[in-house]
Amino acid sequence: MSRINREEVEVQKRIAAELPELVKAIYQLLEELRNLRKSIEELRETLQAVETAKILFKPKKKFVDPVGGRWK
């Protein structure tokens, strides 16, 4: 084998040795992305519920704060 071929084989061996770790890291990242997506969906639902509650429970008339005496 020529020197270049031996170097190529060594590089391929190093890459092959690292592949299982890389694949594992990729799957972990995918799982984290799934969890992040789920959290974002839950936050959107919560935000929508809060916005709906603001609309439903918004006071129609201003009232005077009995403590501060200011209009709200």
N, C-alpha and C. Protein backbone atom coordinates (compact mmCIF):
# COMPACT_ATOMS: atom_id res chain seq x y z
N MET A 1 0.83 -1.19 0.00
CA MET A 1 0.00 0.00 0.00
C MET A 1 0.87 1.24 0.00
N SER A 2 0.44 2.19 -0.74
CA SER A 2 1.21 3.42 -0.75
C SER A 2 0.92 4.22 0.52
N ARG A 3 1.75 5.20 0.75
CA ARG A 3 1.62 6.04 1.95
C ARG A 3 0.28 6.75 1.98
N ILE A 4 -0.16 7.27 0.84
CA ILE A 4 -1.44 7.99 0.77
C ILE A 4 -2.59 7.05 1.09
N ASN A 5 -2.57 5.86 0.56
CA ASN A 5 -3.63 4.89 0.84
C ASN A 5 -3.68 4.53 2.32
N ARG A 6 -2.50 4.38 2.95
CA ARG A 6 -2.47 4.06 4.38
C ARG A 6 -3.05 5.21 5.20
N GLU A 7 -2.72 6.43 4.81
CA GLU A 7 -3.27 7.59 5.52
C GLU A 7 -4.79 7.65 5.36
N GLU A 8 -5.26 7.36 4.16
CA GLU A 8 -6.70 7.36 3.93
C GLU A 8 -7.39 6.29 4.77
N VAL A 9 -6.78 5.13 4.86
CA VAL A 9 -7.34 4.05 5.67
C VAL A 9 -7.38 4.46 7.14
N GLU A 10 -6.33 5.10 7.62
CA GLU A 10 -6.30 5.56 9.02
C GLU A 10 -7.39 6.60 9.28
N VAL A 11 -7.57 7.50 8.35
CA VAL A 11 -8.63 8.52 8.50
C VAL A 11 -9.99 7.84 8.52
N GLN A 12 -10.20 6.89 7.63
CA GLN A 12 -11.47 6.17 7.60
C GLN A 12 -11.71 5.40 8.90
N LYS A 13 -10.67 4.83 9.46
CA LYS A 13 -10.80 4.11 10.73
C LYS A 13 -11.18 5.07 11.86
N ARG A 14 -10.55 6.24 11.89
CA ARG A 14 -10.89 7.22 12.93
C ARG A 14 -12.33 7.69 12.79
N ILE A 15 -12.74 7.93 11.56
CA ILE A 15 -14.13 8.35 11.33
C ILE A 15 -15.08 7.24 11.76
N ALA A 16 -14.79 6.02 11.37
CA ALA A 16 -15.65 4.89 11.73
C ALA A 16 -15.72 4.72 13.25
N ALA A 17 -14.63 4.98 13.94
CA ALA A 17 -14.63 4.85 15.40
C ALA A 17 -15.50 5.92 16.06
N GLU A 18 -15.60 7.09 15.43
CA GLU A 18 -16.38 8.19 16.01
C GLU A 18 -17.86 8.15 15.60
N LEU A 19 -18.20 7.40 14.60
CA LEU A 19 -19.59 7.38 14.11
C LEU A 19 -20.62 7.01 15.17
N PRO A 20 -20.41 5.97 15.97
CA PRO A 20 -21.43 5.64 16.97
C PRO A 20 -21.71 6.79 17.94
N GLU A 21 -20.67 7.49 18.36
CA GLU A 21 -20.85 8.64 19.25
C GLU A 21 -21.62 9.75 18.54
N LEU A 22 -21.29 9.99 17.28
CA LEU A 22 -21.98 11.03 16.52
C LEU A 22 -23.45 10.69 16.33
N VAL A 23 -23.73 9.45 16.02
CA VAL A 23 -25.13 9.03 15.84
C VAL A 23 -25.89 9.18 17.14
N LYS A 24 -25.27 8.79 18.24
CA LYS A 24 -25.91 8.93 19.55
C LYS A 24 -26.20 10.40 19.84
N ALA A 25 -25.25 11.27 19.56
CA ALA A 25 -25.44 12.71 19.79
C ALA A 25 -26.56 13.26 18.92
N ILE A 26 -26.65 12.79 17.69
CA ILE A 26 -27.71 13.24 16.79
C ILE A 26 -29.07 12.84 17.33
N TYR A 27 -29.19 11.60 17.80
CA TYR A 27 -30.47 11.15 18.36
C TYR A 27 -30.83 11.93 19.62
N GLN A 28 -29.84 12.26 20.44
CA GLN A 28 -30.11 13.07 21.63
C GLN A 28 -30.60 14.45 21.23
N LEU A 29 -29.98 15.04 20.22
CA LEU A 29 -30.43 16.35 19.74
C LEU A 29 -31.85 16.29 19.20
N LEU A 30 -32.16 15.23 18.46
CA LEU A 30 -33.52 15.07 17.95
C LEU A 30 -34.53 14.98 19.09
N GLU A 31 -34.19 14.24 20.12
CA GLU A 31 -35.08 14.12 21.28
C GLU A 31 -35.26 15.48 21.96
N GLU A 32 -34.18 16.22 22.10
CA GLU A 32 -34.28 17.56 22.70
C GLU A 32 -35.13 18.48 21.83
N LEU A 33 -35.01 18.37 20.52
CA LEU A 33 -35.84 19.19 19.63
C LEU A 33 -37.31 18.82 19.76
N ARG A 34 -37.60 17.52 19.88
CA ARG A 34 -38.99 17.09 20.08
C ARG A 34 -39.55 17.66 21.37
N ASN A 35 -38.75 17.59 22.44
CA ASN A 35 -39.19 18.14 23.72
C ASN A 35 -39.39 19.64 23.64
N LEU A 36 -38.51 20.32 22.93
CA LEU A 36 -38.63 21.76 22.76
C LEU A 36 -39.90 22.11 21.98
N ARG A 37 -40.17 21.35 20.93
CA ARG A 37 -41.39 21.57 20.15
C ARG A 37 -42.63 21.38 21.02
N LYS A 38 -42.61 20.34 21.85
CA LYS A 38 -43.74 20.08 22.74
C LYS A 38 -43.92 21.24 23.72
N SER A 39 -42.83 21.74 24.28
CA SER A 39 -42.90 22.86 25.21
C SER A 39 -43.43 24.11 24.53
N ILE A 40 -43.01 24.35 23.31
CA ILE A 40 -43.49 25.51 22.56
C ILE A 40 -44.98 25.39 22.30
N GLU A 41 -45.44 24.20 21.93
CA GLU A 41 -46.87 23.99 21.70
C GLU A 41 -47.66 24.23 22.98
N GLU A 42 -47.15 23.75 24.11
CA GLU A 42 -47.83 23.96 25.39
C GLU A 42 -47.87 25.44 25.74
N LEU A 43 -46.77 26.15 25.50
CA LEU A 43 -46.75 27.59 25.77
C LEU A 43 -47.73 28.34 24.88
N ARG A 44 -47.82 27.94 23.62
CA ARG A 44 -48.80 28.57 22.72
C ARG A 44 -50.22 28.37 23.21
N GLU A 45 -50.51 27.14 23.67
CA GLU A 45 -51.85 26.86 24.19
C GLU A 45 -52.13 27.70 25.43
N THR A 46 -51.14 27.82 26.30
CA THR A 46 -51.31 28.62 27.51
C THR A 46 -51.51 30.09 27.16
N LEU A 47 -50.72 30.58 26.23
CA LEU A 47 -50.86 31.97 25.80
C LEU A 47 -52.23 32.22 25.20
N GLN A 48 -52.70 31.29 24.39
CA GLN A 48 -54.03 31.42 23.80
C GLN A 48 -55.10 31.45 24.89
N ALA A 49 -54.95 30.60 25.91
CA ALA A 49 -55.91 30.57 27.01
C ALA A 49 -55.89 31.89 27.78
N VAL A 50 -54.70 32.44 27.99
CA VAL A 50 -54.58 33.72 28.70
C VAL A 50 -55.23 34.83 27.88
N GLU A 51 -54.97 34.85 26.59
CA GLU A 51 -55.57 35.88 25.73
C GLU A 51 -57.09 35.75 25.72
N THR A 52 -57.59 34.53 25.67
CA THR A 52 -59.04 34.31 25.70
C THR A 52 -59.61 34.78 27.03
N ALA A 53 -58.93 34.48 28.13
CA ALA A 53 -59.39 34.91 29.45
C ALA A 53 -59.40 36.43 29.55
N LYS A 54 -58.42 37.09 28.97
CA LYS A 54 -58.39 38.55 28.99
C LYS A 54 -59.62 39.12 28.28
N ILE A 55 -59.97 38.50 27.17
CA ILE A 55 -61.14 38.97 26.41
C ILE A 55 -62.41 38.70 27.19
N LEU A 56 -62.54 37.51 27.75
CA LEU A 56 -63.78 37.13 28.44
C LEU A 56 -63.98 37.88 29.74
N PHE A 57 -62.92 38.15 30.44
CA PHE A 57 -63.04 38.74 31.77
C PHE A 57 -62.62 40.20 31.83
N LYS A 58 -62.54 40.83 30.68
CA LYS A 58 -62.16 42.24 30.64
C LYS A 58 -63.31 43.07 31.19
N PRO A 59 -63.03 43.92 32.21
CA PRO A 59 -64.11 44.76 32.73
C PRO A 59 -64.58 45.75 31.66
N LYS A 60 -65.88 45.91 31.58
CA LYS A 60 -66.44 46.79 30.55
C LYS A 60 -66.46 48.24 31.00
N LYS A 61 -66.52 48.46 32.30
CA LYS A 61 -66.55 49.83 32.82
C LYS A 61 -65.34 50.05 33.70
N LYS A 62 -64.92 51.29 33.73
CA LYS A 62 -63.83 51.65 34.62
C LYS A 62 -64.39 51.75 36.03
N PHE A 63 -63.57 51.45 36.99
CA PHE A 63 -64.00 51.54 38.38
C PHE A 63 -62.94 52.27 39.19
N VAL A 64 -63.35 52.76 40.33
CA VAL A 64 -62.43 53.48 41.19
C VAL A 64 -61.82 52.50 42.19
N ASP A 65 -60.51 52.52 42.24
CA ASP A 65 -59.79 51.69 43.21
C ASP A 65 -60.06 52.26 44.60
N PRO A 66 -60.66 51.47 45.50
CA PRO A 66 -61.00 52.01 46.81
C PRO A 66 -59.78 52.40 47.64
N VAL A 67 -58.63 51.81 47.36
CA VAL A 67 -57.44 52.13 48.14
C VAL A 67 -56.74 53.35 47.56
N GLY A 68 -56.49 53.34 46.27
CA GLY A 68 -55.74 54.43 45.65
C GLY A 68 -56.61 55.55 45.13
N GLY A 69 -57.90 55.29 44.95
CA GLY A 69 -58.81 56.30 44.45
C GLY A 69 -58.61 56.63 42.98
N ARG A 70 -57.90 55.80 42.25
CA ARG A 70 -57.66 56.07 40.83
C ARG A 70 -58.61 55.26 39.97
N TRP A 71 -58.87 55.80 38.79
CA TRP A 71 -59.70 55.08 37.82
C TRP A 71 -58.87 53.98 37.18
N LYS A 72 -59.49 52.85 37.04
CA LYS A 72 -58.82 51.73 36.37
C LYS A 72 -59.69 51.25 35.24
